Amino acid sequence: MDKQEIDWDKPAITDVKMVHKGPWGPEGTLIPISISDHEKKSSIRRKVAAASGIPYEHVKLILVGIAQIGAGDRRSNVKYGNCGVAEGIGLTFSTAAAGNKPHQPRPTGNRVDNRGNWTQID
């Protein structure tokens, strides 16, 4: 696999996964937004508000993986944990800039099932 050079000054597109259904579509709908390196939570919330129609003050951002952002409407009946995008966006920018789709499962060479059985995949 060739490594793609990341332009840290150029914005990248990432997908924000909506954690419940709404006017944007069913649960799990991906909303593309443009992000920059070191972008702040408030800026991402504004972009999600514009893309989803949720008023800014009701947008809840959650970090759903090391390079994945999720969002929802605080007015919904969905309960949110303490995880969240505290200050910045972690590895989301570098993942998006490299052209990776963060919400798609990545195959791994080796797997362990729920019972601890190892499967070698060649």
PDB file of N, CA and C in Angstrom:
ATOM      1  N   MET A   1       0.847  -1.170   0.000  1.00  0.00           N
ATOM      2  CA  MET A   1       0.000   0.000   0.000  1.00  0.00           C
ATOM      3  C   MET A   1       0.893   1.234   0.000  1.00  0.00           C
ATOM      4  N   ASP A   2       0.631   2.147  -0.913  1.00  0.00           N
ATOM      5  CA  ASP A   2       1.393   3.392  -0.962  1.00  0.00           C
ATOM      6  C   ASP A   2       0.859   4.359   0.061  1.00  0.00           C
ATOM      7  N   LYS A   3       1.779   5.045   0.725  1.00  0.00           N
ATOM      8  CA  LYS A   3       1.363   6.070   1.681  1.00  0.00           C
ATOM      9  C   LYS A   3       1.094   7.356   0.923  1.00  0.00           C
ATOM     10  N   GLN A   4      -0.017   7.983   1.248  1.00  0.00           N
ATOM     11  CA  GLN A   4      -0.381   9.234   0.617  1.00  0.00           C
ATOM     12  C   GLN A   4       0.180  10.381   1.448  1.00  0.00           C
ATOM     13  N   GLU A   5       0.811  11.327   0.780  1.00  0.00           N
ATOM     14  CA  GLU A   5       1.335  12.508   1.461  1.00  0.00           C
ATOM     15  C   GLU A   5       0.169  13.385   1.906  1.00  0.00           C
ATOM     16  N   ILE A   6       0.196  13.798   3.163  1.00  0.00           N
ATOM     17  CA  ILE A   6      -0.882  14.616   3.712  1.00  0.00           C
ATOM     18  C   ILE A   6      -0.509  16.086   3.620  1.00  0.00           C
ATOM     19  N   ASP A   7      -1.392  16.872   3.052  1.00  0.00           N
ATOM     20  CA  ASP A   7      -1.222  18.327   3.016  1.00  0.00           C
ATOM     21  C   ASP A   7      -1.941  18.888   4.233  1.00  0.00           C
ATOM     22  N   TRP A   8      -1.191  19.230   5.263  1.00  0.00           N
ATOM     23  CA  TRP A   8      -1.743  19.659   6.547  1.00  0.00           C
ATOM     24  C   TRP A   8      -2.430  21.020   6.457  1.00  0.00           C
ATOM     25  N   ASP A   9      -2.191  21.764   5.387  1.00  0.00           N
ATOM     26  CA  ASP A   9      -2.804  23.093   5.244  1.00  0.00           C
ATOM     27  C   ASP A   9      -4.103  23.066   4.435  1.00  0.00           C
ATOM     28  N   LYS A  10      -4.390  21.955   3.798  1.00  0.00           N
ATOM     29  CA  LYS A  10      -5.575  21.837   2.949  1.00  0.00           C
ATOM     30  C   LYS A  10      -6.688  21.121   3.716  1.00  0.00           C
ATOM     31  N   PRO A  11      -7.922  21.631   3.677  1.00  0.00           N
ATOM     32  CA  PRO A  11      -9.042  20.935   4.346  1.00  0.00           C
ATOM     33  C   PRO A  11      -9.268  19.555   3.736  1.00  0.00           C
ATOM     34  N   ALA A  12      -9.879  18.676   4.517  1.00  0.00           N
ATOM     35  CA  ALA A  12     -10.205  17.321   4.063  1.00  0.00           C
ATOM     36  C   ALA A  12     -11.668  17.047   4.384  1.00  0.00           C
ATOM     37  N   ILE A  13     -12.246  16.087   3.686  1.00  0.00           N
ATOM     38  CA  ILE A  13     -13.641  15.709   3.908  1.00  0.00           C
ATOM     39  C   ILE A  13     -13.677  14.462   4.779  1.00  0.00           C
ATOM     40  N   THR A  14     -14.483  14.490   5.830  1.00  0.00           N
ATOM     41  CA  THR A  14     -14.725  13.312   6.647  1.00  0.00           C
ATOM     42  C   THR A  14     -16.228  13.125   6.765  1.00  0.00           C
ATOM     43  N   ASP A  15     -16.632  11.955   7.222  1.00  0.00           N
ATOM     44  CA  ASP A  15     -18.049  11.667   7.432  1.00  0.00           C
ATOM     45  C   ASP A  15     -18.347  11.692   8.924  1.00  0.00           C
ATOM     46  N   VAL A  16     -19.425  12.363   9.293  1.00  0.00           N
ATOM     47  CA  VAL A  16     -19.925  12.362  10.662  1.00  0.00           C
ATOM     48  C   VAL A  16     -21.110  11.404  10.678  1.00  0.00           C
ATOM     49  N   LYS A  17     -21.068  10.418  11.567  1.00  0.00           N
ATOM     50  CA  LYS A  17     -22.143   9.426  11.640  1.00  0.00           C
ATOM     51  C   LYS A  17     -23.215   9.916  12.605  1.00  0.00           C
ATOM     52  N   MET A  18     -24.457  10.019  12.119  1.00  0.00           N
ATOM     53  CA  MET A  18     -25.572  10.433  12.955  1.00  0.00           C
ATOM     54  C   MET A  18     -26.031   9.231  13.778  1.00  0.00           C
ATOM     55  N   VAL A  19     -26.092   9.390  15.098  1.00  0.00           N
ATOM     56  CA  VAL A  19     -26.326   8.253  15.983  1.00  0.00           C
ATOM     57  C   VAL A  19     -27.806   7.906  16.165  1.00  0.00           C
ATOM     58  N   HIS A  20     -28.686   8.687  15.600  1.00  0.00           N
ATOM     59  CA  HIS A  20     -30.112   8.351  15.608  1.00  0.00           C
ATOM     60  C   HIS A  20     -30.760   8.912  14.354  1.00  0.00           C
ATOM     61  N   LYS A  21     -31.976   8.469  14.070  1.00  0.00           N
ATOM     62  CA  LYS A  21     -32.645   8.942  12.858  1.00  0.00           C
ATOM     63  C   LYS A  21     -33.162  10.362  13.063  1.00  0.00           C
ATOM     64  N   GLY A  22     -33.369  11.042  11.960  1.00  0.00           N
ATOM     65  CA  GLY A  22     -33.884  12.406  11.988  1.00  0.00           C
ATOM     66  C   GLY A  22     -34.175  12.863  10.575  1.00  0.00           C
ATOM     67  N   PRO A  23     -34.366  14.156  10.381  1.00  0.00           N
ATOM     68  CA  PRO A  23     -34.644  14.666   9.033  1.00  0.00           C
ATOM     69  C   PRO A  23     -33.533  14.354   8.026  1.00  0.00           C
ATOM     70  N   TRP A  24     -32.324  14.080   8.513  1.00  0.00           N
ATOM     71  CA  TRP A  24     -31.184  13.761   7.647  1.00  0.00           C
ATOM     72  C   TRP A  24     -31.241  12.341   7.128  1.00  0.00           C
ATOM     73  N   GLY A  25     -32.069  11.464   7.771  1.00  0.00           N
ATOM     74  CA  GLY A  25     -32.176  10.078   7.331  1.00  0.00           C
ATOM     75  C   GLY A  25     -32.181   9.119   8.508  1.00  0.00           C
ATOM     76  N   PRO A  26     -31.971   7.834   8.241  1.00  0.00           N
ATOM     77  CA  PRO A  26     -32.009   6.828   9.308  1.00  0.00           C
ATOM     78  C   PRO A  26     -30.774   6.901  10.206  1.00  0.00           C
ATOM     79  N   GLU A  27     -30.859   6.180  11.310  1.00  0.00           N
ATOM     80  CA  GLU A  27     -29.701   6.042  12.200  1.00  0.00           C
ATOM     81  C   GLU A  27     -28.507   5.545  11.392  1.00  0.00           C
ATOM     82  N   GLY A  28     -27.351   6.133  11.630  1.00  0.00           N
ATOM     83  CA  GLY A  28     -26.151   5.725  10.909  1.00  0.00           C
ATOM     84  C   GLY A  28     -25.891   6.511   9.640  1.00  0.00           C
ATOM     85  N   THR A  29     -26.772   7.454   9.300  1.00  0.00           N
ATOM     86  CA  THR A  29     -26.552   8.280   8.126  1.00  0.00           C
ATOM     87  C   THR A  29     -25.216   9.001   8.257  1.00  0.00           C
ATOM     88  N   LEU A  30     -24.444   9.026   7.173  1.00  0.00           N
ATOM     89  CA  LEU A  30     -23.153   9.713   7.161  1.00  0.00           C
ATOM     90  C   LEU A  30     -23.318  11.083   6.512  1.00  0.00           C
ATOM     91  N   ILE A  31     -22.884  12.111   7.227  1.00  0.00           N
ATOM     92  CA  ILE A  31     -22.955  13.474   6.720  1.00  0.00           C
ATOM     93  C   ILE A  31     -21.529  13.953   6.462  1.00  0.00           C
ATOM     94  N   PRO A  32     -21.174  14.246   5.210  1.00  0.00           N
ATOM     95  CA  PRO A  32     -19.819  14.703   4.932  1.00  0.00           C
ATOM     96  C   PRO A  32     -19.635  16.171   5.341  1.00  0.00           C
ATOM     97  N   ILE A  33     -18.513  16.444   5.995  1.00  0.00           N
ATOM     98  CA  ILE A  33     -18.143  17.822   6.316  1.00  0.00           C
ATOM     99  C   ILE A  33     -16.667  18.014   6.010  1.00  0.00           C
ATOM    100  N   SER A  34     -16.293  19.245   5.763  1.00  0.00           N
ATOM    101  CA  SER A  34     -14.895  19.601   5.533  1.00  0.00           C
ATOM    102  C   SER A  34     -14.266  19.972   6.871  1.00  0.00           C
ATOM    103  N   ILE A  35     -13.087  19.411   7.140  1.00  0.00           N
ATOM    104  CA  ILE A  35     -12.390  19.729   8.391  1.00  0.00           C
ATOM    105  C   ILE A  35     -10.951  20.115   8.093  1.00  0.00           C
ATOM    106  N   SER A  36     -10.351  20.834   9.027  1.00  0.00           N
ATOM    107  CA  SER A  36      -8.950  21.216   8.940  1.00  0.00           C
ATOM    108  C   SER A  36      -8.215  20.652  10.138  1.00  0.00           C
ATOM    109  N   ASP A  37      -6.911  20.554  10.024  1.00  0.00           N
ATOM    110  CA  ASP A  37      -6.098  20.082  11.133  1.00  0.00           C
ATOM    111  C   ASP A  37      -6.278  21.017  12.327  1.00  0.00           C
ATOM    112  N   HIS A  38      -6.401  20.486  13.497  1.00  0.00           N
ATOM    113  CA  HIS A  38      -6.565  21.239  14.756  1.00  0.00           C
ATOM    114  C   HIS A  38      -7.875  22.022  14.818  1.00  0.00           C
ATOM    115  N   GLU A  39      -8.885  21.579  14.084  1.00  0.00           N
ATOM    116  CA  GLU A  39     -10.184  22.261  14.124  1.00  0.00           C
ATOM    117  C   GLU A  39     -10.830  22.066  15.490  1.00  0.00           C
ATOM    118  N   LYS A  40     -11.495  23.054  15.973  1.00  0.00           N
ATOM    119  CA  LYS A  40     -12.117  23.023  17.298  1.00  0.00           C
ATOM    120  C   LYS A  40     -13.528  22.439  17.235  1.00  0.00           C
ATOM    121  N   LYS A  41     -13.957  21.957  18.380  1.00  0.00           N
ATOM    122  CA  LYS A  41     -15.283  21.359  18.525  1.00  0.00           C
ATOM    123  C   LYS A  41     -16.381  22.335  18.095  1.00  0.00           C
ATOM    124  N   SER A  42     -16.258  23.596  18.462  1.00  0.00           N
ATOM    125  CA  SER A  42     -17.294  24.573  18.128  1.00  0.00           C
ATOM    126  C   SER A  42     -17.461  24.731  16.617  1.00  0.00           C
ATOM    127  N   SER A  43     -16.364  24.677  15.897  1.00  0.00           N
ATOM    128  CA  SER A  43     -16.423  24.791  14.440  1.00  0.00           C
ATOM    129  C   SER A  43     -17.095  23.563  13.821  1.00  0.00           C
ATOM    130  N   ILE A  44     -16.756  22.385  14.325  1.00  0.00           N
ATOM    131  CA  ILE A  44     -17.372  21.152  13.820  1.00  0.00           C
ATOM    132  C   ILE A  44     -18.863  21.147  14.143  1.00  0.00           C
ATOM    133  N   ARG A  45     -19.227  21.594  15.337  1.00  0.00           N
ATOM    134  CA  ARG A  45     -20.648  21.662  15.703  1.00  0.00           C
ATOM    135  C   ARG A  45     -21.412  22.569  14.738  1.00  0.00           C
ATOM    136  N   ARG A  46     -20.825  23.713  14.366  1.00  0.00           N
ATOM    137  CA  ARG A  46     -21.476  24.622  13.408  1.00  0.00           C
ATOM    138  C   ARG A  46     -21.704  23.920  12.071  1.00  0.00           C
ATOM    139  N   LYS A  47     -20.700  23.167  11.618  1.00  0.00           N
ATOM    140  CA  LYS A  47     -20.820  22.472  10.324  1.00  0.00           C
ATOM    141  C   LYS A  47     -21.877  21.368  10.381  1.00  0.00           C
ATOM    142  N   VAL A  48     -21.914  20.627  11.486  1.00  0.00           N
ATOM    143  CA  VAL A  48     -22.926  19.577  11.633  1.00  0.00           C
ATOM    144  C   VAL A  48     -24.316  20.205  11.727  1.00  0.00           C
ATOM    145  N   ALA A  49     -24.436  21.318  12.434  1.00  0.00           N
ATOM    146  CA  ALA A  49     -25.725  22.016  12.529  1.00  0.00           C
ATOM    147  C   ALA A  49     -26.212  22.434  11.145  1.00  0.00           C
ATOM    148  N   ALA A  50     -25.316  22.987  10.347  1.00  0.00           N
ATOM    149  CA  ALA A  50     -25.697  23.426   9.001  1.00  0.00           C
ATOM    150  C   ALA A  50     -26.087  22.250   8.114  1.00  0.00           C
ATOM    151  N   ALA A  51     -25.368  21.131   8.237  1.00  0.00           N
ATOM    152  CA  ALA A  51     -25.626  19.977   7.375  1.00  0.00           C
ATOM    153  C   ALA A  51     -26.849  19.181   7.800  1.00  0.00           C
ATOM    154  N   SER A  52     -27.149  19.170   9.100  1.00  0.00           N
ATOM    155  CA  SER A  52     -28.238  18.320   9.593  1.00  0.00           C
ATOM    156  C   SER A  52     -29.538  19.070   9.866  1.00  0.00           C
ATOM    157  N   GLY A  53     -29.429  20.374  10.092  1.00  0.00           N
ATOM    158  CA  GLY A  53     -30.613  21.145  10.455  1.00  0.00           C
ATOM    159  C   GLY A  53     -30.851  21.201  11.953  1.00  0.00           C
ATOM    160  N   ILE A  54     -29.993  20.562  12.746  1.00  0.00           N
ATOM    161  CA  ILE A  54     -30.110  20.638  14.205  1.00  0.00           C
ATOM    162  C   ILE A  54     -29.585  22.002  14.642  1.00  0.00           C
ATOM    163  N   PRO A  55     -30.310  22.730  15.482  1.00  0.00           N
ATOM    164  CA  PRO A  55     -29.774  24.003  15.970  1.00  0.00           C
ATOM    165  C   PRO A  55     -28.439  23.788  16.694  1.00  0.00           C
ATOM    166  N   TYR A  56     -27.510  24.699  16.495  1.00  0.00           N
ATOM    167  CA  TYR A  56     -26.155  24.584  17.053  1.00  0.00           C
ATOM    168  C   TYR A  56     -26.156  24.182  18.521  1.00  0.00           C
ATOM    169  N   GLU A  57     -26.999  24.812  19.325  1.00  0.00           N
ATOM    170  CA  GLU A  57     -26.976  24.557  20.769  1.00  0.00           C
ATOM    171  C   GLU A  57     -27.459  23.145  21.128  1.00  0.00           C
ATOM    172  N   HIS A  58     -28.059  22.444  20.184  1.00  0.00           N
ATOM    173  CA  HIS A  58     -28.555  21.094  20.444  1.00  0.00           C
ATOM    174  C   HIS A  58     -27.700  19.994  19.807  1.00  0.00           C
ATOM    175  N   VAL A  59     -26.643  20.379  19.083  1.00  0.00           N
ATOM    176  CA  VAL A  59     -25.763  19.384  18.470  1.00  0.00           C
ATOM    177  C   VAL A  59     -24.878  18.766  19.545  1.00  0.00           C
ATOM    178  N   LYS A  60     -24.865  17.437  19.605  1.00  0.00           N
ATOM    179  CA  LYS A  60     -23.989  16.699  20.512  1.00  0.00           C
ATOM    180  C   LYS A  60     -22.974  15.953  19.655  1.00  0.00           C
ATOM    181  N   LEU A  61     -21.687  16.271  19.815  1.00  0.00           N
ATOM    182  CA  LEU A  61     -20.626  15.561  19.114  1.00  0.00           C
ATOM    183  C   LEU A  61     -20.056  14.492  20.027  1.00  0.00           C
ATOM    184  N   ILE A  62     -19.776  13.339  19.455  1.00  0.00           N
ATOM    185  CA  ILE A  62     -19.140  12.279  20.225  1.00  0.00           C
ATOM    186  C   ILE A  62     -18.017  11.671  19.401  1.00  0.00           C
ATOM    187  N   LEU A  63     -16.950  11.319  20.070  1.00  0.00           N
ATOM    188  CA  LEU A  63     -15.855  10.634  19.421  1.00  0.00           C
ATOM    189  C   LEU A  63     -16.198   9.152  19.465  1.00  0.00           C
ATOM    190  N   VAL A  64     -16.508   8.570  18.304  1.00  0.00           N
ATOM    191  CA  VAL A  64     -16.962   7.186  18.260  1.00  0.00           C
ATOM    192  C   VAL A  64     -15.838   6.217  17.903  1.00  0.00           C
ATOM    193  N   GLY A  65     -14.664   6.719  17.738  1.00  0.00           N
ATOM    194  CA  GLY A  65     -13.470   5.936  17.459  1.00  0.00           C
ATOM    195  C   GLY A  65     -12.309   6.899  17.421  1.00  0.00           C
ATOM    196  N   ILE A  66     -11.116   6.382  17.330  1.00  0.00           N
ATOM    197  CA  ILE A  66      -9.955   7.259  17.384  1.00  0.00           C
ATOM    198  C   ILE A  66      -9.921   8.260  16.230  1.00  0.00           C
ATOM    199  N   ALA A  67     -10.584   7.940  15.134  1.00  0.00           N
ATOM    200  CA  ALA A  67     -10.613   8.842  13.983  1.00  0.00           C
ATOM    201  C   ALA A  67     -12.027   9.020  13.450  1.00  0.00           C
ATOM    202  N   GLN A  68     -13.027   8.830  14.313  1.00  0.00           N
ATOM    203  CA  GLN A  68     -14.419   8.889  13.869  1.00  0.00           C
ATOM    204  C   GLN A  68     -15.205   9.849  14.753  1.00  0.00           C
ATOM    205  N   ILE A  69     -16.028  10.659  14.109  1.00  0.00           N
ATOM    206  CA  ILE A  69     -16.894  11.590  14.842  1.00  0.00           C
ATOM    207  C   ILE A  69     -18.343  11.192  14.610  1.00  0.00           C
ATOM    208  N   GLY A  70     -19.118  11.175  15.674  1.00  0.00           N
ATOM    209  CA  GLY A  70     -20.550  10.936  15.593  1.00  0.00           C
ATOM    210  C   GLY A  70     -21.265  12.179  16.092  1.00  0.00           C
ATOM    211  N   ALA A  71     -22.539  12.291  15.790  1.00  0.00           N
ATOM    212  CA  ALA A  71     -23.316  13.449  16.231  1.00  0.00           C
ATOM    213  C   ALA A  71     -24.767  13.051  16.422  1.00  0.00           C
ATOM    214  N   GLY A  72     -25.443  13.824  17.234  1.00  0.00           N
ATOM    215  CA  GLY A  72     -26.858  13.612  17.473  1.00  0.00           C
ATOM    216  C   GLY A  72     -27.493  14.888  17.986  1.00  0.00           C
ATOM    217  N   ASP A  73     -28.782  14.807  18.213  1.00  0.00           N
ATOM    218  CA  ASP A  73     -29.571  15.931  18.712  1.00  0.00           C
ATOM    219  C   ASP A  73     -29.795  15.724  20.208  1.00  0.00           C
ATOM    220  N   ARG A  74     -29.351  16.649  21.030  1.00  0.00           N
ATOM    221  CA  ARG A  74     -29.507  16.537  22.483  1.00  0.00           C
ATOM    222  C   ARG A  74     -30.977  16.444  22.895  1.00  0.00           C
ATOM    223  N   ARG A  75     -31.883  16.915  22.048  1.00  0.00           N
ATOM    224  CA  ARG A  75     -33.309  16.886  22.377  1.00  0.00           C
ATOM    225  C   ARG A  75     -33.932  15.520  22.175  1.00  0.00           C
ATOM    226  N   SER A  76     -33.184  14.578  21.602  1.00  0.00           N
ATOM    227  CA  SER A  76     -33.716  13.234  21.356  1.00  0.00           C
ATOM    228  C   SER A  76     -33.748  12.438  22.654  1.00  0.00           C
ATOM    229  N   ASN A  77     -34.309  11.243  22.576  1.00  0.00           N
ATOM    230  CA  ASN A  77     -34.335  10.375  23.743  1.00  0.00           C
ATOM    231  C   ASN A  77     -33.096   9.493  23.822  1.00  0.00           C
ATOM    232  N   VAL A  78     -32.107   9.740  22.961  1.00  0.00           N
ATOM    233  CA  VAL A  78     -30.869   8.987  22.976  1.00  0.00           C
ATOM    234  C   VAL A  78     -30.003   9.498  24.128  1.00  0.00           C
ATOM    235  N   LYS A  79     -29.507   8.593  24.946  1.00  0.00           N
ATOM    236  CA  LYS A  79     -28.645   8.958  26.066  1.00  0.00           C
ATOM    237  C   LYS A  79     -27.198   8.918  25.603  1.00  0.00           C
ATOM    238  N   TYR A  80     -26.435   9.926  25.985  1.00  0.00           N
ATOM    239  CA  TYR A  80     -25.043  10.030  25.576  1.00  0.00           C
ATOM    240  C   TYR A  80     -24.137   9.805  26.771  1.00  0.00           C
ATOM    241  N   GLY A  81     -23.034   9.093  26.539  1.00  0.00           N
ATOM    242  CA  GLY A  81     -22.047   8.877  27.594  1.00  0.00           C
ATOM    243  C   GLY A  81     -21.138  10.082  27.749  1.00  0.00           C
ATOM    244  N   ASN A  82     -20.061   9.899  28.470  1.00  0.00           N
ATOM    245  CA  ASN A  82     -19.125  10.980  28.723  1.00  0.00           C
ATOM    246  C   ASN A  82     -18.077  11.152  27.645  1.00  0.00           C
ATOM    247  N   CYS A  83     -18.006  10.222  26.686  1.00  0.00           N
ATOM    248  CA  CYS A  83     -17.011  10.379  25.641  1.00  0.00           C
ATOM    249  C   CYS A  83     -17.389  11.578  24.786  1.00  0.00           C
ATOM    250  N   GLY A  84     -16.416  12.194  24.196  1.00  0.00           N
ATOM    251  CA  GLY A  84     -16.730  13.343  23.374  1.00  0.00           C
ATOM    252  C   GLY A  84     -15.495  13.944  22.759  1.00  0.00           C
ATOM    253  N   VAL A  85     -15.704  14.878  21.902  1.00  0.00           N
ATOM    254  CA  VAL A  85     -14.610  15.595  21.284  1.00  0.00           C
ATOM    255  C   VAL A  85     -14.298  16.753  22.219  1.00  0.00           C
ATOM    256  N   ALA A  86     -13.277  16.606  23.031  1.00  0.00           N
ATOM    257  CA  ALA A  86     -13.006  17.568  24.095  1.00  0.00           C
ATOM    258  C   ALA A  86     -12.502  18.903  23.555  1.00  0.00           C
ATOM    259  N   GLU A  87     -11.433  18.879  22.801  1.00  0.00           N
ATOM    260  CA  GLU A  87     -10.864  20.120  22.290  1.00  0.00           C
ATOM    261  C   GLU A  87     -10.755  20.105  20.773  1.00  0.00           C
ATOM    262  N   GLY A  88     -10.046  19.132  20.261  1.00  0.00           N
ATOM    263  CA  GLY A  88      -9.825  19.064  18.824  1.00  0.00           C
ATOM    264  C   GLY A  88     -10.489  17.852  18.214  1.00  0.00           C
ATOM    265  N   ILE A  89      -9.874  17.337  17.159  1.00  0.00           N
ATOM    266  CA  ILE A  89     -10.497  16.258  16.411  1.00  0.00           C
ATOM    267  C   ILE A  89      -9.643  14.999  16.341  1.00  0.00           C
ATOM    268  N   GLY A  90      -8.593  14.927  17.142  1.00  0.00           N
ATOM    269  CA  GLY A  90      -7.769  13.723  17.186  1.00  0.00           C
ATOM    270  C   GLY A  90      -7.193  13.369  15.839  1.00  0.00           C
ATOM    271  N   LEU A  91      -7.325  12.131  15.435  1.00  0.00           N
ATOM    272  CA  LEU A  91      -6.768  11.658  14.172  1.00  0.00           C
ATOM    273  C   LEU A  91      -7.758  11.764  13.015  1.00  0.00           C
ATOM    274  N   THR A  92      -8.883  12.419  13.242  1.00  0.00           N
ATOM    275  CA  THR A  92      -9.897  12.502  12.189  1.00  0.00           C
ATOM    276  C   THR A  92      -9.366  13.213  10.957  1.00  0.00           C
ATOM    277  N   PHE A  93      -8.632  14.306  11.141  1.00  0.00           N
ATOM    278  CA  PHE A  93      -8.128  15.043   9.987  1.00  0.00           C
ATOM    279  C   PHE A  93      -7.157  14.200   9.172  1.00  0.00           C
ATOM    280  N   SER A  94      -6.179  13.596   9.834  1.00  0.00           N
ATOM    281  CA  SER A  94      -5.184  12.827   9.076  1.00  0.00           C
ATOM    282  C   SER A  94      -5.826  11.632   8.370  1.00  0.00           C
ATOM    283  N   THR A  95      -6.827  11.027   8.983  1.00  0.00           N
ATOM    284  CA  THR A  95      -7.547   9.919   8.342  1.00  0.00           C
ATOM    285  C   THR A  95      -8.289  10.413   7.107  1.00  0.00           C
ATOM    286  N   ALA A  96      -8.982  11.540   7.243  1.00  0.00           N
ATOM    287  CA  ALA A  96      -9.735  12.089   6.110  1.00  0.00           C
ATOM    288  C   ALA A  96      -8.797  12.565   5.010  1.00  0.00           C
ATOM    289  N   ALA A  97      -7.695  13.225   5.390  1.00  0.00           N
ATOM    290  CA  ALA A  97      -6.747  13.738   4.399  1.00  0.00           C
ATOM    291  C   ALA A  97      -6.094  12.610   3.610  1.00  0.00           C
ATOM    292  N   ALA A  98      -5.953  11.440   4.241  1.00  0.00           N
ATOM    293  CA  ALA A  98      -5.379  10.288   3.550  1.00  0.00           C
ATOM    294  C   ALA A  98      -6.406   9.586   2.663  1.00  0.00           C
ATOM    295  N   GLY A  99      -7.655  10.058   2.696  1.00  0.00           N
ATOM    296  CA  GLY A  99      -8.692   9.481   1.843  1.00  0.00           C
ATOM    297  C   GLY A  99      -9.377   8.267   2.425  1.00  0.00           C
ATOM    298  N   ASN A 100      -9.174   7.996   3.713  1.00  0.00           N
ATOM    299  CA  ASN A 100      -9.814   6.847   4.348  1.00  0.00           C
ATOM    300  C   ASN A 100     -11.236   7.185   4.767  1.00  0.00           C
ATOM    301  N   LYS A 101     -12.109   6.215   4.685  1.00  0.00           N
ATOM    302  CA  LYS A 101     -13.479   6.355   5.152  1.00  0.00           C
ATOM    303  C   LYS A 101     -13.548   5.740   6.541  1.00  0.00           C
ATOM    304  N   PRO A 102     -13.594   6.555   7.586  1.00  0.00           N
ATOM    305  CA  PRO A 102     -13.401   6.051   8.945  1.00  0.00           C
ATOM    306  C   PRO A 102     -14.503   5.147   9.482  1.00  0.00           C
ATOM    307  N   HIS A 103     -15.704   5.205   8.960  1.00  0.00           N
ATOM    308  CA  HIS A 103     -16.797   4.416   9.523  1.00  0.00           C
ATOM    309  C   HIS A 103     -16.967   3.067   8.843  1.00  0.00           C
ATOM    310  N   GLN A 104     -16.055   2.695   7.953  1.00  0.00           N
ATOM    311  CA  GLN A 104     -16.123   1.392   7.311  1.00  0.00           C
ATOM    312  C   GLN A 104     -15.168   0.451   8.036  1.00  0.00           C
ATOM    313  N   PRO A 105     -15.619  -0.747   8.390  1.00  0.00           N
ATOM    314  CA  PRO A 105     -14.726  -1.690   9.076  1.00  0.00           C
ATOM    315  C   PRO A 105     -13.506  -1.998   8.221  1.00  0.00           C
ATOM    316  N   ARG A 106     -12.372  -2.079   8.854  1.00  0.00           N
ATOM    317  CA  ARG A 106     -11.131  -2.405   8.163  1.00  0.00           C
ATOM    318  C   ARG A 106     -10.791  -3.877   8.411  1.00  0.00           C
ATOM    319  N   PRO A 107     -10.477  -4.625   7.352  1.00  0.00           N
ATOM    320  CA  PRO A 107     -10.077  -6.009   7.562  1.00  0.00           C
ATOM    321  C   PRO A 107      -8.710  -6.062   8.236  1.00  0.00           C
ATOM    322  N   THR A 108      -8.523  -7.030   9.089  1.00  0.00           N
ATOM    323  CA  THR A 108      -7.229  -7.223   9.733  1.00  0.00           C
ATOM    324  C   THR A 108      -6.687  -8.585   9.340  1.00  0.00           C
ATOM    325  N   GLY A 109      -5.405  -8.731   9.457  1.00  0.00           N
ATOM    326  CA  GLY A 109      -4.770  -9.987   9.067  1.00  0.00           C
ATOM    327  C   GLY A 109      -5.090 -11.131  10.011  1.00  0.00           C
ATOM    328  N   ASN A 110      -5.349 -10.818  11.254  1.00  0.00           N
ATOM    329  CA  ASN A 110      -5.606 -11.845  12.261  1.00  0.00           C
ATOM    330  C   ASN A 110      -6.834 -11.458  13.065  1.00  0.00           C
ATOM    331  N   ARG A 111      -7.577 -12.458  13.503  1.00  0.00           N
ATOM    332  CA  ARG A 111      -8.812 -12.167  14.229  1.00  0.00           C
ATOM    333  C   ARG A 111      -8.935 -13.069  15.440  1.00  0.00           C
ATOM    334  N   VAL A 112      -9.540 -12.528  16.481  1.00  0.00           N
ATOM    335  CA  VAL A 112      -9.868 -13.302  17.675  1.00  0.00           C
ATOM    336  C   VAL A 112     -11.377 -13.223  17.835  1.00  0.00           C
ATOM    337  N   ASP A 113     -12.037 -14.378  17.964  1.00  0.00           N
ATOM    338  CA  ASP A 113     -13.487 -14.351  18.122  1.00  0.00           C
ATOM    339  C   ASP A 113     -13.869 -14.074  19.575  1.00  0.00           C
ATOM    340  N   ASN A 114     -15.159 -14.068  19.856  1.00  0.00           N
ATOM    341  CA  ASN A 114     -15.645 -13.733  21.197  1.00  0.00           C
ATOM    342  C   ASN A 114     -15.237 -14.744  22.262  1.00  0.00           C
ATOM    343  N   ARG A 115     -14.790 -15.911  21.862  1.00  0.00           N
ATOM    344  CA  ARG A 115     -14.356 -16.926  22.817  1.00  0.00           C
ATOM    345  C   ARG A 115     -12.835 -16.986  22.945  1.00  0.00           C
ATOM    346  N   GLY A 116     -12.141 -16.051  22.303  1.00  0.00           N
ATOM    347  CA  GLY A 116     -10.677 -16.012  22.396  1.00  0.00           C
ATOM    348  C   GLY A 116      -9.962 -16.915  21.415  1.00  0.00           C
ATOM    349  N   ASN A 117     -10.687 -17.502  20.452  1.00  0.00           N
ATOM    350  CA  ASN A 117     -10.066 -18.373  19.450  1.00  0.00           C
ATOM    351  C   ASN A 117      -9.419 -17.528  18.365  1.00  0.00           C
ATOM    352  N   TRP A 118      -8.169 -17.821  18.085  1.00  0.00           N
ATOM    353  CA  TRP A 118      -7.385 -17.071  17.102  1.00  0.00           C
ATOM    354  C   TRP A 118      -7.578 -17.671  15.712  1.00  0.00           C
ATOM    355  N   THR A 119      -7.813 -16.827  14.719  1.00  0.00           N
ATOM    356  CA  THR A 119      -7.895 -17.276  13.328  1.00  0.00           C
ATOM    357  C   THR A 119      -6.850 -16.532  12.533  1.00  0.00           C
ATOM    358  N   GLN A 120      -5.939 -17.280  11.905  1.00  0.00           N
ATOM    359  CA  GLN A 120      -4.910 -16.671  11.069  1.00  0.00           C
ATOM    360  C   GLN A 120      -5.489 -16.473   9.669  1.00  0.00           C
ATOM    361  N   ILE A 121      -5.393 -15.281   9.146  1.00  0.00           N
ATOM    362  CA  ILE A 121      -5.893 -14.974   7.811  1.00  0.00           C
ATOM    363  C   ILE A 121      -4.682 -14.586   6.965  1.00  0.00           C
ATOM    364  N   ASP A 122      -4.445 -15.327   5.908  1.00  0.00           N
ATOM    365  CA  ASP A 122      -3.298 -15.034   5.040  1.00  0.00           C
ATOM    366  C   ASP A 122      -3.733 -14.423   3.737  1.00  0.00           C
TER     367      ASP A 122
END
